[in-house]
Amino acid sequence: MKISIVVTQEEHFKFAQEICDTIESSALLRGTGIAKRTPEYIQKKMSNGDAMIALADGKFAGFCYIESWEHGKFVAHSGLIVHPDYRSLGLAKKIKSKVFDYSLKRYPDAKIFGITTGLAVMKINSELGYKPVPFSELTTDPSFWAGCKTCTNFPILQSKENKMCLCTGMLYDPKEKQKNPPRHPFNEAVLSRLKKIKQALFLNKLLSFIFLLKF
């Protein structure tokens, strides 16, 4: 089986609906929130050359797209997904690495960031040189945070004024790497515990709020 990872073009439009369906079904299976995207939005990214697709003998195997904010000051990788038929092959890491290198060439001065609840994505980001950061170090562009409206965790983000959520913010600064290449070892146990603490804190506050409404 030969899998190729290429920059998208209009010929890949036919995969847009399947990509959206795979992203959504994967999120439902994991029980995590995700910002939904339409096939039209995915096609726009494809036509602009701001996405990469993995193909296995002409079939959709994986995908990821790029978004830029604040006039290219910040760049984010979104929609990283691998089709169920091609999982456990290390494909997600290969796609992410390809998109990461492509972003450095396409947006050489941009800080690359992401927010995620997925431990697998956190591990890949860490290996690429990202570091966990508070949301205050990420873009302040309202349109980025508006993209979270379709996520099930958006009420939490909104209640915290975009300063905290169940997601973990991660950032790669190319200028910092040039000075002294940072290494941020991934500790799954620590990040998993952090996620559980966040969930517990938000649940307790939600229960307190419901109690006050009743009484």
N, C-alpha and C. Protein backbone atom coordinates (compact mmCIF):
# COMPACT_ATOMS: atom_id res chain seq x y z
N MET A 1 0.84 -1.20 0.00
CA MET A 1 0.00 0.00 0.00
C MET A 1 0.88 1.25 0.00
N LYS A 2 0.67 2.12 -0.97
CA LYS A 2 1.44 3.35 -1.07
C LYS A 2 0.59 4.54 -0.63
N ILE A 3 1.09 5.26 0.36
CA ILE A 3 0.39 6.46 0.86
C ILE A 3 1.22 7.69 0.55
N SER A 4 0.62 8.64 -0.16
CA SER A 4 1.30 9.89 -0.49
C SER A 4 0.62 11.04 0.23
N ILE A 5 1.41 12.03 0.66
CA ILE A 5 0.89 13.22 1.33
C ILE A 5 1.25 14.43 0.48
N VAL A 6 0.22 15.11 -0.04
CA VAL A 6 0.45 16.18 -1.00
C VAL A 6 -0.34 17.44 -0.63
N VAL A 7 0.10 18.57 -1.17
CA VAL A 7 -0.63 19.83 -1.02
C VAL A 7 -1.90 19.71 -1.87
N THR A 8 -3.02 20.13 -1.30
CA THR A 8 -4.31 19.96 -1.98
C THR A 8 -4.49 20.88 -3.18
N GLN A 9 -5.34 20.40 -4.10
CA GLN A 9 -5.74 21.16 -5.28
C GLN A 9 -7.24 20.93 -5.49
N GLU A 10 -7.78 21.54 -6.55
CA GLU A 10 -9.22 21.40 -6.82
C GLU A 10 -9.62 19.96 -7.10
N GLU A 11 -8.71 19.16 -7.58
CA GLU A 11 -9.03 17.76 -7.87
C GLU A 11 -9.39 16.98 -6.60
N HIS A 12 -9.07 17.56 -5.44
CA HIS A 12 -9.35 16.89 -4.18
C HIS A 12 -10.68 17.33 -3.56
N PHE A 13 -11.40 18.22 -4.24
CA PHE A 13 -12.69 18.70 -3.73
C PHE A 13 -13.64 17.55 -3.41
N LYS A 14 -13.58 16.48 -4.20
CA LYS A 14 -14.51 15.36 -4.06
C LYS A 14 -14.41 14.67 -2.69
N PHE A 15 -13.31 14.92 -1.97
CA PHE A 15 -13.11 14.30 -0.66
C PHE A 15 -13.62 15.16 0.50
N ALA A 16 -14.06 16.38 0.22
CA ALA A 16 -14.42 17.34 1.27
C ALA A 16 -15.50 16.82 2.21
N GLN A 17 -16.57 16.26 1.67
CA GLN A 17 -17.66 15.76 2.52
C GLN A 17 -17.19 14.60 3.37
N GLU A 18 -16.42 13.70 2.79
CA GLU A 18 -15.91 12.55 3.54
C GLU A 18 -14.98 13.00 4.67
N ILE A 19 -14.19 14.02 4.41
CA ILE A 19 -13.29 14.57 5.43
C ILE A 19 -14.11 15.12 6.61
N CYS A 20 -15.13 15.92 6.30
CA CYS A 20 -15.97 16.50 7.36
C CYS A 20 -16.66 15.41 8.17
N ASP A 21 -17.18 14.40 7.49
CA ASP A 21 -17.87 13.31 8.18
C ASP A 21 -16.92 12.53 9.08
N THR A 22 -15.69 12.31 8.60
CA THR A 22 -14.71 11.55 9.38
C THR A 22 -14.28 12.33 10.62
N ILE A 23 -14.10 13.64 10.48
CA ILE A 23 -13.72 14.48 11.62
C ILE A 23 -14.81 14.45 12.68
N GLU A 24 -16.06 14.60 12.24
CA GLU A 24 -17.17 14.63 13.20
C GLU A 24 -17.38 13.29 13.88
N SER A 25 -17.34 12.20 13.13
CA SER A 25 -17.56 10.88 13.71
C SER A 25 -16.44 10.51 14.68
N SER A 26 -15.23 10.95 14.39
CA SER A 26 -14.10 10.68 15.27
C SER A 26 -14.27 11.41 16.59
N ALA A 27 -14.74 12.66 16.54
CA ALA A 27 -14.96 13.45 17.75
C ALA A 27 -16.06 12.82 18.61
N LEU A 28 -17.13 12.36 17.96
CA LEU A 28 -18.23 11.73 18.69
C LEU A 28 -17.77 10.43 19.36
N LEU A 29 -16.92 9.70 18.67
CA LEU A 29 -16.42 8.43 19.20
C LEU A 29 -15.55 8.67 20.44
N ARG A 30 -14.75 9.74 20.40
CA ARG A 30 -13.87 10.05 21.52
C ARG A 30 -14.59 10.80 22.63
N GLY A 31 -15.76 11.34 22.31
CA GLY A 31 -16.51 12.11 23.30
C GLY A 31 -15.89 13.46 23.57
N THR A 32 -15.21 14.02 22.56
CA THR A 32 -14.55 15.32 22.73
C THR A 32 -15.22 16.37 21.88
N GLY A 33 -15.02 17.63 22.25
CA GLY A 33 -15.55 18.73 21.47
C GLY A 33 -14.69 18.99 20.25
N ILE A 34 -15.29 19.54 19.21
CA ILE A 34 -14.53 19.88 18.01
C ILE A 34 -15.26 20.99 17.26
N ALA A 35 -14.48 21.88 16.66
CA ALA A 35 -15.06 22.95 15.85
C ALA A 35 -15.41 22.38 14.48
N LYS A 36 -16.69 22.35 14.16
CA LYS A 36 -17.13 21.75 12.90
C LYS A 36 -16.81 22.66 11.71
N ARG A 37 -16.55 22.05 10.57
CA ARG A 37 -16.29 22.77 9.33
C ARG A 37 -17.16 22.20 8.23
N THR A 38 -17.57 23.04 7.30
CA THR A 38 -18.41 22.60 6.19
C THR A 38 -17.54 22.14 5.02
N PRO A 39 -18.10 21.32 4.12
CA PRO A 39 -17.34 20.92 2.93
C PRO A 39 -16.87 22.12 2.11
N GLU A 40 -17.70 23.17 2.08
CA GLU A 40 -17.33 24.37 1.32
C GLU A 40 -16.10 25.04 1.92
N TYR A 41 -16.02 25.04 3.24
CA TYR A 41 -14.87 25.63 3.92
C TYR A 41 -13.61 24.81 3.62
N ILE A 42 -13.74 23.49 3.67
CA ILE A 42 -12.61 22.61 3.38
C ILE A 42 -12.14 22.80 1.94
N GLN A 43 -13.08 22.94 1.03
CA GLN A 43 -12.73 23.15 -0.39
C GLN A 43 -12.01 24.47 -0.60
N LYS A 44 -12.41 25.48 0.16
CA LYS A 44 -11.73 26.77 0.07
C LYS A 44 -10.28 26.65 0.49
N LYS A 45 -10.04 25.91 1.58
CA LYS A 45 -8.67 25.67 2.04
C LYS A 45 -7.88 24.89 1.00
N MET A 46 -8.54 23.93 0.38
CA MET A 46 -7.89 23.13 -0.65
C MET A 46 -7.45 23.97 -1.84
N SER A 47 -8.35 24.84 -2.31
CA SER A 47 -8.06 25.65 -3.49
C SER A 47 -6.98 26.69 -3.22
N ASN A 48 -6.87 27.13 -1.95
CA ASN A 48 -5.85 28.13 -1.59
C ASN A 48 -4.48 27.50 -1.34
N GLY A 49 -4.41 26.18 -1.37
CA GLY A 49 -3.14 25.51 -1.08
C GLY A 49 -2.80 25.53 0.39
N ASP A 50 -3.83 25.69 1.24
CA ASP A 50 -3.63 25.74 2.68
C ASP A 50 -4.06 24.44 3.35
N ALA A 51 -3.81 23.33 2.68
CA ALA A 51 -4.17 22.03 3.25
C ALA A 51 -3.33 20.94 2.61
N MET A 52 -3.23 19.82 3.32
CA MET A 52 -2.52 18.66 2.79
C MET A 52 -3.39 17.44 3.00
N ILE A 53 -3.37 16.54 2.02
CA ILE A 53 -4.18 15.34 2.07
C ILE A 53 -3.32 14.11 1.87
N ALA A 54 -3.65 13.06 2.59
CA ALA A 54 -2.95 11.78 2.43
C ALA A 54 -3.85 10.87 1.60
N LEU A 55 -3.27 10.28 0.57
CA LEU A 55 -4.03 9.41 -0.33
C LEU A 55 -3.39 8.03 -0.39
N ALA A 56 -4.23 7.02 -0.27
CA ALA A 56 -3.77 5.63 -0.36
C ALA A 56 -4.40 5.01 -1.60
N ASP A 57 -3.61 4.87 -2.64
CA ASP A 57 -4.12 4.33 -3.91
C ASP A 57 -5.35 5.10 -4.38
N GLY A 58 -5.29 6.43 -4.24
CA GLY A 58 -6.37 7.29 -4.71
C GLY A 58 -7.52 7.48 -3.75
N LYS A 59 -7.47 6.83 -2.59
CA LYS A 59 -8.52 6.97 -1.59
C LYS A 59 -8.08 7.90 -0.46
N PHE A 60 -9.07 8.61 0.12
CA PHE A 60 -8.78 9.50 1.24
C PHE A 60 -8.28 8.72 2.44
N ALA A 61 -7.10 9.12 2.95
CA ALA A 61 -6.52 8.44 4.11
C ALA A 61 -6.30 9.38 5.28
N GLY A 62 -6.08 10.66 5.01
CA GLY A 62 -5.85 11.61 6.09
C GLY A 62 -5.85 13.03 5.57
N PHE A 63 -5.91 14.00 6.51
CA PHE A 63 -6.06 15.40 6.09
C PHE A 63 -5.68 16.34 7.23
N CYS A 64 -5.28 17.55 6.85
CA CYS A 64 -5.03 18.62 7.81
C CYS A 64 -4.98 19.94 7.03
N TYR A 65 -5.49 21.01 7.61
CA TYR A 65 -5.44 22.30 6.92
C TYR A 65 -4.82 23.39 7.79
N ILE A 66 -4.47 24.48 7.15
CA ILE A 66 -3.77 25.59 7.81
C ILE A 66 -4.68 26.82 7.86
N GLU A 67 -4.65 27.51 8.99
CA GLU A 67 -5.34 28.79 9.12
C GLU A 67 -4.34 29.84 9.61
N SER A 68 -4.46 31.05 9.10
CA SER A 68 -3.57 32.13 9.54
C SER A 68 -4.39 33.24 10.17
N TRP A 69 -3.79 33.90 11.17
CA TRP A 69 -4.49 34.93 11.94
C TRP A 69 -3.59 36.14 12.14
N GLU A 70 -4.24 37.30 12.33
CA GLU A 70 -3.52 38.56 12.58
C GLU A 70 -2.47 38.82 11.49
N HIS A 71 -2.94 38.75 10.24
CA HIS A 71 -2.09 39.03 9.07
C HIS A 71 -0.83 38.15 9.03
N GLY A 72 -1.03 36.87 9.35
CA GLY A 72 0.08 35.93 9.26
C GLY A 72 0.98 35.88 10.47
N LYS A 73 0.61 36.59 11.53
CA LYS A 73 1.42 36.57 12.75
C LYS A 73 1.31 35.21 13.45
N PHE A 74 0.13 34.60 13.35
CA PHE A 74 -0.10 33.29 13.95
C PHE A 74 -0.64 32.33 12.90
N VAL A 75 -0.24 31.07 13.02
CA VAL A 75 -0.73 30.02 12.12
C VAL A 75 -1.17 28.84 12.97
N ALA A 76 -2.29 28.23 12.59
CA ALA A 76 -2.79 27.06 13.31
C ALA A 76 -3.04 25.91 12.34
N HIS A 77 -2.84 24.70 12.80
CA HIS A 77 -3.15 23.51 12.03
C HIS A 77 -4.44 22.92 12.58
N SER A 78 -5.41 22.74 11.73
CA SER A 78 -6.72 22.28 12.18
C SER A 78 -7.18 21.06 11.38
N GLY A 79 -8.18 20.39 11.94
CA GLY A 79 -8.80 19.29 11.22
C GLY A 79 -7.91 18.09 10.96
N LEU A 80 -6.87 17.90 11.78
CA LEU A 80 -6.00 16.74 11.58
C LEU A 80 -6.80 15.46 11.81
N ILE A 81 -6.90 14.65 10.77
CA ILE A 81 -7.71 13.45 10.86
C ILE A 81 -7.11 12.34 10.00
N VAL A 82 -7.29 11.11 10.46
CA VAL A 82 -6.88 9.93 9.70
C VAL A 82 -8.10 9.03 9.55
N HIS A 83 -8.35 8.56 8.36
CA HIS A 83 -9.48 7.67 8.11
C HIS A 83 -9.31 6.39 8.93
N PRO A 84 -10.39 5.85 9.51
CA PRO A 84 -10.29 4.64 10.34
C PRO A 84 -9.54 3.48 9.69
N ASP A 85 -9.62 3.37 8.37
CA ASP A 85 -8.96 2.26 7.68
C ASP A 85 -7.43 2.37 7.67
N TYR A 86 -6.92 3.56 8.03
CA TYR A 86 -5.48 3.77 7.93
C TYR A 86 -4.86 4.22 9.26
N ARG A 87 -5.54 3.92 10.35
CA ARG A 87 -5.01 4.28 11.66
C ARG A 87 -4.03 3.22 12.16
N SER A 88 -3.28 3.58 13.18
CA SER A 88 -2.25 2.71 13.76
C SER A 88 -1.09 2.47 12.80
N LEU A 89 -0.91 3.40 11.86
CA LEU A 89 0.20 3.32 10.92
C LEU A 89 1.18 4.48 11.09
N GLY A 90 0.91 5.32 12.11
CA GLY A 90 1.75 6.50 12.31
C GLY A 90 1.48 7.60 11.30
N LEU A 91 0.32 7.53 10.63
CA LEU A 91 0.02 8.48 9.56
C LEU A 91 -0.25 9.89 10.08
N ALA A 92 -0.91 9.99 11.24
CA ALA A 92 -1.21 11.32 11.80
C ALA A 92 0.07 12.11 12.02
N LYS A 93 1.08 11.45 12.55
CA LYS A 93 2.36 12.11 12.81
C LYS A 93 3.02 12.54 11.50
N LYS A 94 2.93 11.69 10.48
CA LYS A 94 3.52 12.02 9.19
C LYS A 94 2.83 13.23 8.55
N ILE A 95 1.50 13.25 8.63
CA ILE A 95 0.75 14.38 8.07
C ILE A 95 1.09 15.66 8.82
N LYS A 96 1.06 15.59 10.15
CA LYS A 96 1.36 16.77 10.97
C LYS A 96 2.76 17.29 10.70
N SER A 97 3.73 16.40 10.56
CA SER A 97 5.11 16.82 10.29
C SER A 97 5.23 17.50 8.94
N LYS A 98 4.50 16.96 7.95
CA LYS A 98 4.52 17.54 6.60
C LYS A 98 3.89 18.94 6.61
N VAL A 99 2.75 19.06 7.29
CA VAL A 99 2.06 20.35 7.37
C VAL A 99 2.91 21.36 8.15
N PHE A 100 3.57 20.89 9.18
CA PHE A 100 4.44 21.74 10.00
C PHE A 100 5.57 22.32 9.14
N ASP A 101 6.27 21.48 8.39
CA ASP A 101 7.36 21.94 7.53
C ASP A 101 6.85 22.87 6.43
N TYR A 102 5.69 22.52 5.90
CA TYR A 102 5.08 23.34 4.84
C TYR A 102 4.71 24.73 5.38
N SER A 103 4.21 24.78 6.62
CA SER A 103 3.84 26.05 7.24
C SER A 103 5.05 26.95 7.45
N LEU A 104 6.18 26.35 7.84
CA LEU A 104 7.40 27.12 8.07
C LEU A 104 7.88 27.79 6.79
N LYS A 105 7.64 27.15 5.66
CA LYS A 105 8.03 27.72 4.37
C LYS A 105 7.02 28.75 3.88
N ARG A 106 5.74 28.43 4.09
CA ARG A 106 4.66 29.31 3.61
C ARG A 106 4.49 30.54 4.50
N TYR A 107 4.70 30.36 5.81
CA TYR A 107 4.57 31.46 6.76
C TYR A 107 5.81 31.49 7.66
N PRO A 108 6.97 31.88 7.13
CA PRO A 108 8.24 31.77 7.86
C PRO A 108 8.34 32.56 9.16
N ASP A 109 7.56 33.63 9.29
CA ASP A 109 7.66 34.47 10.49
C ASP A 109 6.54 34.21 11.50
N ALA A 110 5.67 33.29 11.19
CA ALA A 110 4.49 33.07 12.05
C ALA A 110 4.78 32.15 13.22
N LYS A 111 4.10 32.42 14.32
CA LYS A 111 4.10 31.49 15.45
C LYS A 111 3.03 30.44 15.16
N ILE A 112 3.39 29.18 15.33
CA ILE A 112 2.45 28.10 15.04
C ILE A 112 1.83 27.62 16.34
N PHE A 113 0.51 27.58 16.40
CA PHE A 113 -0.14 27.20 17.65
C PHE A 113 -1.31 26.26 17.40
N GLY A 114 -1.81 25.72 18.47
CA GLY A 114 -2.99 24.88 18.38
C GLY A 114 -3.61 24.70 19.74
N ILE A 115 -4.91 24.36 19.77
CA ILE A 115 -5.57 24.00 21.02
C ILE A 115 -6.22 22.64 20.80
N THR A 116 -6.06 21.75 21.74
CA THR A 116 -6.56 20.40 21.56
C THR A 116 -6.83 19.71 22.89
N THR A 117 -7.74 18.74 22.86
CA THR A 117 -7.97 17.89 24.02
C THR A 117 -7.34 16.51 23.79
N GLY A 118 -6.83 16.29 22.58
CA GLY A 118 -6.30 14.98 22.22
C GLY A 118 -4.86 14.76 22.67
N LEU A 119 -4.64 13.72 23.47
CA LEU A 119 -3.29 13.44 23.96
C LEU A 119 -2.35 13.05 22.82
N ALA A 120 -2.88 12.37 21.79
CA ALA A 120 -2.05 11.97 20.65
C ALA A 120 -1.52 13.20 19.92
N VAL A 121 -2.38 14.21 19.75
CA VAL A 121 -1.96 15.45 19.08
C VAL A 121 -0.96 16.20 19.94
N MET A 122 -1.19 16.22 21.25
CA MET A 122 -0.26 16.87 22.17
C MET A 122 1.13 16.24 22.06
N LYS A 123 1.16 14.93 21.95
CA LYS A 123 2.44 14.22 21.86
C LYS A 123 3.17 14.58 20.58
N ILE A 124 2.44 14.60 19.46
CA ILE A 124 3.05 14.96 18.18
C ILE A 124 3.57 16.39 18.23
N ASN A 125 2.76 17.31 18.75
CA ASN A 125 3.17 18.71 18.84
C ASN A 125 4.43 18.86 19.69
N SER A 126 4.46 18.16 20.81
CA SER A 126 5.61 18.23 21.71
C SER A 126 6.88 17.77 21.01
N GLU A 127 6.78 16.71 20.22
CA GLU A 127 7.94 16.19 19.51
C GLU A 127 8.43 17.15 18.43
N LEU A 128 7.53 18.00 17.93
CA LEU A 128 7.90 18.99 16.91
C LEU A 128 8.49 20.26 17.52
N GLY A 129 8.41 20.38 18.85
CA GLY A 129 8.98 21.55 19.52
C GLY A 129 7.98 22.52 20.10
N TYR A 130 6.69 22.19 20.03
CA TYR A 130 5.67 23.02 20.68
C TYR A 130 5.85 22.95 22.20
N LYS A 131 5.34 23.96 22.87
CA LYS A 131 5.30 23.93 24.33
C LYS A 131 3.90 24.33 24.80
N PRO A 132 3.43 23.77 25.92
CA PRO A 132 2.13 24.17 26.46
C PRO A 132 2.19 25.62 26.93
N VAL A 133 1.16 26.39 26.60
CA VAL A 133 1.12 27.81 26.99
C VAL A 133 -0.30 28.19 27.39
N PRO A 134 -0.46 29.26 28.18
CA PRO A 134 -1.81 29.76 28.48
C PRO A 134 -2.41 30.38 27.22
N PHE A 135 -3.71 30.45 27.16
CA PHE A 135 -4.39 31.00 25.99
C PHE A 135 -3.98 32.45 25.71
N SER A 136 -3.49 33.16 26.73
CA SER A 136 -3.09 34.55 26.57
C SER A 136 -1.93 34.72 25.59
N GLU A 137 -1.18 33.63 25.33
CA GLU A 137 -0.06 33.69 24.39
C GLU A 137 -0.46 33.34 22.96
N LEU A 138 -1.73 33.00 22.78
CA LEU A 138 -2.23 32.65 21.45
C LEU A 138 -2.86 33.88 20.79
N THR A 139 -3.36 33.71 19.59
CA THR A 139 -3.96 34.83 18.88
C THR A 139 -5.16 35.39 19.63
N THR A 140 -5.35 36.69 19.51
CA THR A 140 -6.53 37.34 20.12
C THR A 140 -7.60 37.61 19.05
N ASP A 141 -7.36 37.15 17.84
CA ASP A 141 -8.29 37.36 16.73
C ASP A 141 -9.65 36.74 17.07
N PRO A 142 -10.71 37.55 17.14
CA PRO A 142 -12.05 37.05 17.51
C PRO A 142 -12.54 35.95 16.56
N SER A 143 -12.13 36.02 15.29
CA SER A 143 -12.61 35.03 14.32
C SER A 143 -12.08 33.63 14.61
N PHE A 144 -10.89 33.55 15.24
CA PHE A 144 -10.38 32.24 15.62
C PHE A 144 -11.26 31.62 16.70
N TRP A 145 -11.53 32.40 17.74
CA TRP A 145 -12.32 31.88 18.86
C TRP A 145 -13.78 31.66 18.45
N ALA A 146 -14.25 32.43 17.47
CA ALA A 146 -15.62 32.22 16.97
C ALA A 146 -15.74 30.86 16.31
N GLY A 147 -14.61 30.34 15.81
CA GLY A 147 -14.62 29.02 15.19
C GLY A 147 -14.90 27.91 16.17
N CYS A 148 -14.84 28.22 17.46
CA CYS A 148 -15.09 27.21 18.50
C CYS A 148 -16.57 27.11 18.85
N LYS A 149 -17.41 27.93 18.24
CA LYS A 149 -18.82 27.97 18.60
C LYS A 149 -19.53 26.64 18.41
N THR A 150 -19.08 25.84 17.44
CA THR A 150 -19.73 24.57 17.19
C THR A 150 -19.19 23.45 18.08
N CYS A 151 -18.21 23.78 18.92
CA CYS A 151 -17.65 22.80 19.86
C CYS A 151 -18.57 22.67 21.07
N THR A 152 -18.72 21.45 21.57
CA THR A 152 -19.58 21.23 22.74
C THR A 152 -19.06 21.92 23.99
N ASN A 153 -17.78 22.27 23.99
CA ASN A 153 -17.18 22.92 25.17
C ASN A 153 -17.18 24.45 25.06
N PHE A 154 -17.81 24.99 24.02
CA PHE A 154 -17.78 26.45 23.83
C PHE A 154 -18.34 27.23 25.02
N PRO A 155 -19.41 26.78 25.67
CA PRO A 155 -19.91 27.52 26.84
C PRO A 155 -18.84 27.70 27.92
N ILE A 156 -17.98 26.70 28.07
CA ILE A 156 -16.91 26.80 29.06
C ILE A 156 -15.92 27.88 28.65
N LEU A 157 -15.52 27.85 27.38
CA LEU A 157 -14.59 28.85 26.86
C LEU A 157 -15.17 30.26 27.01
N GLN A 158 -16.45 30.39 26.69
CA GLN A 158 -17.13 31.68 26.76
C GLN A 158 -17.20 32.19 28.19
N SER A 159 -17.48 31.30 29.11
CA SER A 159 -17.59 31.70 30.52
C SER A 159 -16.25 32.16 31.08
N LYS A 160 -15.16 31.70 30.46
CA LYS A 160 -13.82 32.07 30.90
C LYS A 160 -13.21 33.18 30.04
N GLU A 161 -14.05 33.81 29.21
CA GLU A 161 -13.61 34.94 28.36
C GLU A 161 -12.41 34.56 27.49
N ASN A 162 -12.47 33.37 26.93
CA ASN A 162 -11.43 32.85 26.02
C ASN A 162 -10.07 32.66 26.69
N LYS A 163 -10.06 32.57 28.00
CA LYS A 163 -8.79 32.44 28.72
C LYS A 163 -8.49 31.00 29.14
N MET A 164 -9.51 30.14 29.12
CA MET A 164 -9.31 28.76 29.56
C MET A 164 -10.45 27.88 29.04
N CYS A 165 -10.11 26.62 28.80
CA CYS A 165 -11.12 25.65 28.38
C CYS A 165 -10.58 24.26 28.69
N LEU A 166 -11.26 23.22 28.22
CA LEU A 166 -10.75 21.86 28.40
C LEU A 166 -9.56 21.60 27.47
N CYS A 167 -9.46 22.39 26.41
CA CYS A 167 -8.32 22.27 25.50
C CYS A 167 -7.03 22.76 26.16
N THR A 168 -5.91 22.25 25.67
CA THR A 168 -4.60 22.73 26.09
C THR A 168 -4.00 23.54 24.94
N GLY A 169 -3.53 24.74 25.24
CA GLY A 169 -2.89 25.57 24.22
C GLY A 169 -1.43 25.17 24.05
N MET A 170 -0.97 25.09 22.79
CA MET A 170 0.42 24.74 22.52
C MET A 170 0.97 25.68 21.45
N LEU A 171 2.24 26.06 21.61
CA LEU A 171 2.82 27.09 20.73
C LEU A 171 4.23 26.73 20.30
N TYR A 172 4.52 26.99 19.03
CA TYR A 172 5.88 26.85 18.50
C TYR A 172 6.30 28.22 17.97
N ASP A 173 7.38 28.76 18.52
CA ASP A 173 7.90 30.06 18.09
C ASP A 173 9.19 29.83 17.30
N PRO A 174 9.19 30.08 15.98
CA PRO A 174 10.39 29.84 15.17
C PRO A 174 11.60 30.66 15.60
N LYS A 175 11.36 31.84 16.14
CA LYS A 175 12.47 32.68 16.59
C LYS A 175 13.13 32.06 17.83
N GLU A 176 12.32 31.52 18.70
CA GLU A 176 12.86 30.88 19.90
C GLU A 176 13.67 29.65 19.51
N LYS A 177 13.21 28.91 18.54
CA LYS A 177 13.90 27.69 18.12
C LYS A 177 15.26 28.01 17.49
N GLN A 178 15.33 29.12 16.75
CA GLN A 178 16.59 29.51 16.11
C GLN A 178 17.64 29.86 17.16
N LYS A 179 17.20 30.46 18.27
CA LYS A 179 18.15 30.85 19.32
C LYS A 179 18.64 29.63 20.10
N ASN A 180 17.70 28.81 20.49
CA ASN A 180 18.05 27.66 21.32
C ASN A 180 16.96 26.60 21.15
N PRO A 181 17.16 25.60 20.30
CA PRO A 181 16.11 24.63 20.02
C PRO A 181 15.50 24.04 21.29
N PRO A 182 14.23 24.33 21.55
CA PRO A 182 13.60 23.84 22.78
C PRO A 182 13.15 22.39 22.65
N ARG A 183 13.27 21.65 23.69
CA ARG A 183 12.74 20.30 23.73
C ARG A 183 11.75 20.23 24.88
N HIS A 184 10.57 19.82 24.60
CA HIS A 184 9.53 19.77 25.61
C HIS A 184 9.01 18.33 25.69
N PRO A 185 9.64 17.50 26.51
CA PRO A 185 9.25 16.09 26.61
C PRO A 185 7.77 15.93 26.92
N PHE A 186 7.15 15.03 26.22
CA PHE A 186 5.72 14.79 26.41
C PHE A 186 5.51 13.83 27.57
N ASN A 187 4.71 14.23 28.52
CA ASN A 187 4.38 13.37 29.65
C ASN A 187 2.88 13.15 29.63
N GLU A 188 2.47 12.01 29.09
CA GLU A 188 1.06 11.72 28.91
C GLU A 188 0.31 11.69 30.24
N ALA A 189 0.94 11.15 31.26
CA ALA A 189 0.28 11.04 32.57
C ALA A 189 -0.02 12.42 33.14
N VAL A 190 0.95 13.34 33.01
CA VAL A 190 0.77 14.69 33.54
C VAL A 190 -0.34 15.42 32.80
N LEU A 191 -0.31 15.37 31.46
CA LEU A 191 -1.31 16.08 30.68
C LEU A 191 -2.70 15.46 30.84
N SER A 192 -2.74 14.15 31.00
CA SER A 192 -4.03 13.49 31.22
C SER A 192 -4.62 13.92 32.56
N ARG A 193 -3.76 14.02 33.57
CA ARG A 193 -4.23 14.46 34.90
C ARG A 193 -4.68 15.92 34.84
N LEU A 194 -3.96 16.75 34.09
CA LEU A 194 -4.34 18.16 33.94
C LEU A 194 -5.72 18.27 33.31
N LYS A 195 -5.97 17.44 32.30
CA LYS A 195 -7.27 17.45 31.63
C LYS A 195 -8.39 17.07 32.60
N LYS A 196 -8.13 16.05 33.43
CA LYS A 196 -9.13 15.61 34.39
C LYS A 196 -9.40 16.68 35.45
N ILE A 197 -8.35 17.38 35.87
CA ILE A 197 -8.51 18.46 36.85
C ILE A 197 -9.38 19.57 36.27
N LYS A 198 -9.11 19.93 35.01
CA LYS A 198 -9.91 20.96 34.34
C LYS A 198 -11.38 20.54 34.30
N GLN A 199 -11.61 19.29 33.91
CA GLN A 199 -12.99 18.80 33.80
C GLN A 199 -13.69 18.84 35.15
N ALA A 200 -12.98 18.46 36.20
CA ALA A 200 -13.56 18.46 37.54
C ALA A 200 -13.89 19.88 38.01
N LEU A 201 -12.99 20.81 37.75
CA LEU A 201 -13.20 22.20 38.16
C LEU A 201 -14.42 22.79 37.47
N PHE A 202 -14.52 22.57 36.14
CA PHE A 202 -15.65 23.13 35.40
C PHE A 202 -16.95 22.47 35.81
N LEU A 203 -16.92 21.16 36.11
CA LEU A 203 -18.13 20.45 36.53
C LEU A 203 -18.62 20.97 37.87
N ASN A 204 -17.70 21.19 38.80
CA ASN A 204 -18.08 21.70 40.12
C ASN A 204 -18.71 23.08 40.02
N LYS A 205 -18.14 23.92 39.14
CA LYS A 205 -18.69 25.27 38.99
C LYS A 205 -20.07 25.23 38.34
N LEU A 206 -20.23 24.27 37.40
CA LEU A 206 -21.53 24.14 36.75
C LEU A 206 -22.58 23.69 37.74
N LEU A 207 -22.24 22.72 38.60
CA LEU A 207 -23.18 22.22 39.60
C LEU A 207 -23.54 23.32 40.60
N SER A 208 -22.56 24.14 40.96
CA SER A 208 -22.81 25.25 41.89
C SER A 208 -23.77 26.26 41.27
N PHE A 209 -23.58 26.50 39.98
CA PHE A 209 -24.44 27.45 39.27
C PHE A 209 -25.88 26.93 39.22
N ILE A 210 -26.05 25.62 38.95
CA ILE A 210 -27.38 25.01 38.89
C ILE A 210 -28.04 25.08 40.28
N PHE A 211 -27.27 24.85 41.32
CA PHE A 211 -27.77 24.89 42.70
C PHE A 211 -28.31 26.29 43.01
N LEU A 212 -27.56 27.33 42.60
CA LEU A 212 -27.98 28.71 42.86
C LEU A 212 -29.26 29.04 42.11
N LEU A 213 -29.41 28.50 40.90
CA LEU A 213 -30.62 28.76 40.11
C LEU A 213 -31.84 28.15 40.80
N LYS A 214 -31.66 27.00 41.43
CA LYS A 214 -32.78 26.32 42.08
C LYS A 214 -33.20 27.00 43.37
N PHE A 215 -32.21 27.55 44.08
CA PHE A 215 -32.51 28.11 45.39
C PHE A 215 -32.25 29.62 45.43
